[in-house]
Amino acid sequence: MRSQDETGMPGGIATETYSFPVVILGGGFAGTYCARALTAGLHDAAESVALVADQNAMLFHPMLAEVSGSSISPLHVVNPLRQFCRGSSIFMGSVDEVDLDAQTVRFLPDPMFTMPS
């Protein structure tokens, strides 16, 4: 998987490359539950599974009505990805390009991006 920050200036392209056997694109229900299931069965999950998402939390939309009606706390419908997908490497950003033949993903990192630990 490749992370690329394009500055628009000639020669101003900074590229960092990371390698993961499994890369999941999207932090919705399918992506997060896939990451959880895969990391549960792997010993070195942080080095094996990467999740690329444009948001840092998964929102449980069906229960938003209960939040607006004050039946439950907003904390019950928002799950931070790093807590929900423990063991996975989480990258914040938007996917720019997927090359299936080269098995690479290029994404533009969020300005607050930091390498997961």
Foldseek 3Di string as FASTA:
>chain_A
DKEWADPPDVVPIDIDDADAQEEFEEDEPVRLVVLQVVQVPDDQLQNHYEYEYQDQWYFQPVCVVCCVVVVDPSVVGIGGSCVSNPNYWYFHFAWDDQDVVVRDTYTHGDPVTDGGD
